[in-house]
Amino acid sequence: MSLTDILASAHGAQLTNLFLMDKNSSVMEFFPKGWLKLAGVGQYVFHWLAGWSGMRHQGAWRDPNGDECPYGEDDRRCMTIYKTGKIGLNETYFTEWAKKVLNEVKIKKLEAAANKTNASASICACG
């Protein structure tokens, strides 16, 4: 995990491993349908963890087309259906989102390498 620059994952307990990632790495999070309405503040926990760890939470994809709930979308019983459902993907949206995140990571890496080079060049070997 310490060598991971970008973690793209569905929302869930596996994201707790993000604290093992380097500062300045990025997280892209995916949610099943219904999560925004029914999950409460718990859906933001990994956003907060990323921020507290010096990482960038690059946003979230919330699937608008997931499994249907027979009780109506606002019924709390739907949470069990949505929670175990598959998360769909808008390929065009994801392509643009991933391109943006990859470019940001590339720029940060280049800046870090340049700063490291400049710092080592400014060390005086005075005798």
Protein backbone atom coordinates (compact mmCIF):
# COMPACT_ATOMS: atom_id res chain seq x y z
CA MET A 1 0.00 0.00 0.00
CA SER A 2 2.87 2.40 0.66
CA LEU A 3 3.73 2.34 -3.07
CA THR A 4 0.13 3.01 -4.16
CA ASP A 5 -0.40 6.41 -5.77
CA ILE A 6 -4.11 6.03 -6.51
CA LEU A 7 -6.59 3.76 -4.75
CA ALA A 8 -9.87 3.24 -6.64
CA SER A 9 -12.33 1.21 -4.60
CA ALA A 10 -15.94 0.65 -3.71
CA HIS A 11 -16.91 2.18 -0.37
CA GLY A 12 -16.25 -0.34 2.38
CA ALA A 13 -13.97 -1.58 5.14
CA GLN A 14 -11.12 -2.31 2.70
CA LEU A 15 -10.61 1.46 2.42
CA THR A 16 -9.31 1.55 5.99
CA ASN A 17 -6.00 0.44 4.45
CA LEU A 18 -5.63 3.89 2.94
CA PHE A 19 -3.82 5.02 6.09
CA LEU A 20 -0.90 2.82 4.91
CA MET A 21 -0.54 4.89 1.74
CA ASP A 22 1.92 7.74 1.25
CA LYS A 23 0.95 11.30 1.98
CA ASN A 24 -0.10 13.03 -1.27
CA SER A 25 -1.63 9.84 -2.74
CA SER A 26 -5.21 9.85 -4.00
CA VAL A 27 -8.44 7.96 -3.33
CA MET A 28 -11.32 7.46 -5.77
CA GLU A 29 -14.43 6.02 -4.14
CA PHE A 30 -17.47 4.24 -5.63
CA PHE A 31 -20.93 3.93 -4.05
CA PRO A 32 -23.93 1.75 -4.93
CA LYS A 33 -27.29 3.23 -5.78
CA GLY A 34 -29.17 4.68 -2.82
CA TRP A 35 -26.11 5.32 -0.67
CA LEU A 36 -26.40 9.10 -0.76
CA LYS A 37 -29.97 9.05 0.58
CA LEU A 38 -29.69 6.27 3.15
CA ALA A 39 -26.14 5.92 4.46
CA GLY A 40 -25.90 9.06 6.58
CA VAL A 41 -22.56 10.60 7.56
CA GLY A 42 -20.76 7.24 7.48
CA GLN A 43 -20.41 7.60 3.73
CA TYR A 44 -17.90 10.42 4.32
CA VAL A 45 -15.57 8.60 6.72
CA PHE A 46 -12.94 7.75 4.10
CA HIS A 47 -13.08 11.28 2.73
CA TRP A 48 -12.25 12.51 6.24
CA LEU A 49 -9.54 9.86 6.78
CA ALA A 50 -7.86 10.81 3.51
CA GLY A 51 -7.86 14.48 4.47
CA TRP A 52 -6.52 13.84 7.96
CA SER A 53 -3.73 11.68 6.46
CA GLY A 54 -2.57 14.36 4.01
CA MET A 55 -4.05 12.52 1.04
CA ARG A 56 -6.49 13.73 -1.59
CA HIS A 57 -9.97 12.25 -1.78
CA GLN A 58 -10.69 12.77 -5.45
CA GLY A 59 -14.44 12.44 -5.23
CA ALA A 60 -16.97 9.69 -5.55
CA TRP A 61 -19.00 7.92 -8.20
CA ARG A 62 -22.57 7.26 -7.04
CA ASP A 63 -24.31 4.71 -9.24
CA PRO A 64 -27.74 6.05 -10.25
CA ASN A 65 -28.82 2.79 -11.93
CA GLY A 66 -28.27 0.03 -9.36
CA ASP A 67 -30.61 -2.71 -8.17
CA GLU A 68 -34.27 -1.82 -7.68
CA CYS A 69 -35.79 -1.86 -4.21
CA PRO A 70 -39.35 -3.22 -3.86
CA TYR A 71 -40.05 -0.95 -0.85
CA GLY A 72 -39.41 2.43 -2.49
CA GLU A 73 -36.02 4.12 -2.66
CA ASP A 74 -36.37 6.08 0.60
CA ASP A 75 -37.23 3.04 2.74
CA ARG A 76 -34.41 2.02 5.12
CA ARG A 77 -34.96 -1.65 4.21
CA CYS A 78 -33.51 -0.82 0.79
CA MET A 79 -30.10 -0.36 2.36
CA THR A 80 -29.56 -4.14 2.53
CA ILE A 81 -30.41 -4.43 -1.17
CA TYR A 82 -28.21 -1.52 -2.21
CA LYS A 83 -25.34 -2.57 0.07
CA THR A 84 -24.92 -5.95 -1.61
CA GLY A 85 -25.66 -4.72 -5.14
CA LYS A 86 -23.22 -4.30 -7.96
CA ILE A 87 -21.93 -0.81 -8.71
CA GLY A 88 -22.39 0.24 -12.31
CA LEU A 89 -20.06 2.50 -14.23
CA ASN A 90 -20.41 5.37 -16.65
CA GLU A 91 -17.38 4.72 -18.83
CA THR A 92 -17.18 8.27 -20.22
CA TYR A 93 -17.38 9.86 -16.78
CA PHE A 94 -14.85 7.43 -15.29
CA THR A 95 -12.41 7.95 -18.18
CA GLU A 96 -12.38 11.73 -17.68
CA TRP A 97 -12.24 11.41 -13.89
CA ALA A 98 -9.34 8.93 -14.00
CA LYS A 99 -7.47 11.06 -16.57
CA LYS A 100 -7.78 14.11 -14.29
CA VAL A 101 -6.57 12.20 -11.21
CA LEU A 102 -3.69 10.55 -13.10
CA ASN A 103 -2.52 13.92 -14.44
CA GLU A 104 -2.63 15.46 -10.94
CA VAL A 105 -0.57 12.57 -9.54
CA LYS A 106 1.93 12.88 -12.39
CA ILE A 107 2.35 16.62 -11.73
CA LYS A 108 2.78 16.05 -7.97
CA LYS A 109 5.41 13.35 -8.61
CA LEU A 110 7.34 15.60 -11.02
CA GLU A 111 7.20 18.50 -8.54
CA ALA A 112 8.41 16.26 -5.71
CA ALA A 113 11.29 14.96 -7.85
CA ALA A 114 12.27 18.51 -8.85
CA ASN A 115 12.17 19.69 -5.23
CA LYS A 116 14.31 16.74 -4.17
CA THR A 117 16.85 17.52 -6.90
CA ASN A 118 16.90 21.23 -5.98
CA ALA A 119 17.31 20.43 -2.28
CA SER A 120 20.25 18.10 -2.88
CA ALA A 121 21.89 20.60 -5.29
CA SER A 122 21.76 23.34 -2.67
CA ILE A 123 23.69 21.35 -0.06
CA CYS A 124 27.04 23.02 0.42
CA ALA A 125 30.11 20.79 0.40
CA CYS A 126 32.20 23.61 1.79
CA GLY A 127 35.60 22.60 2.98
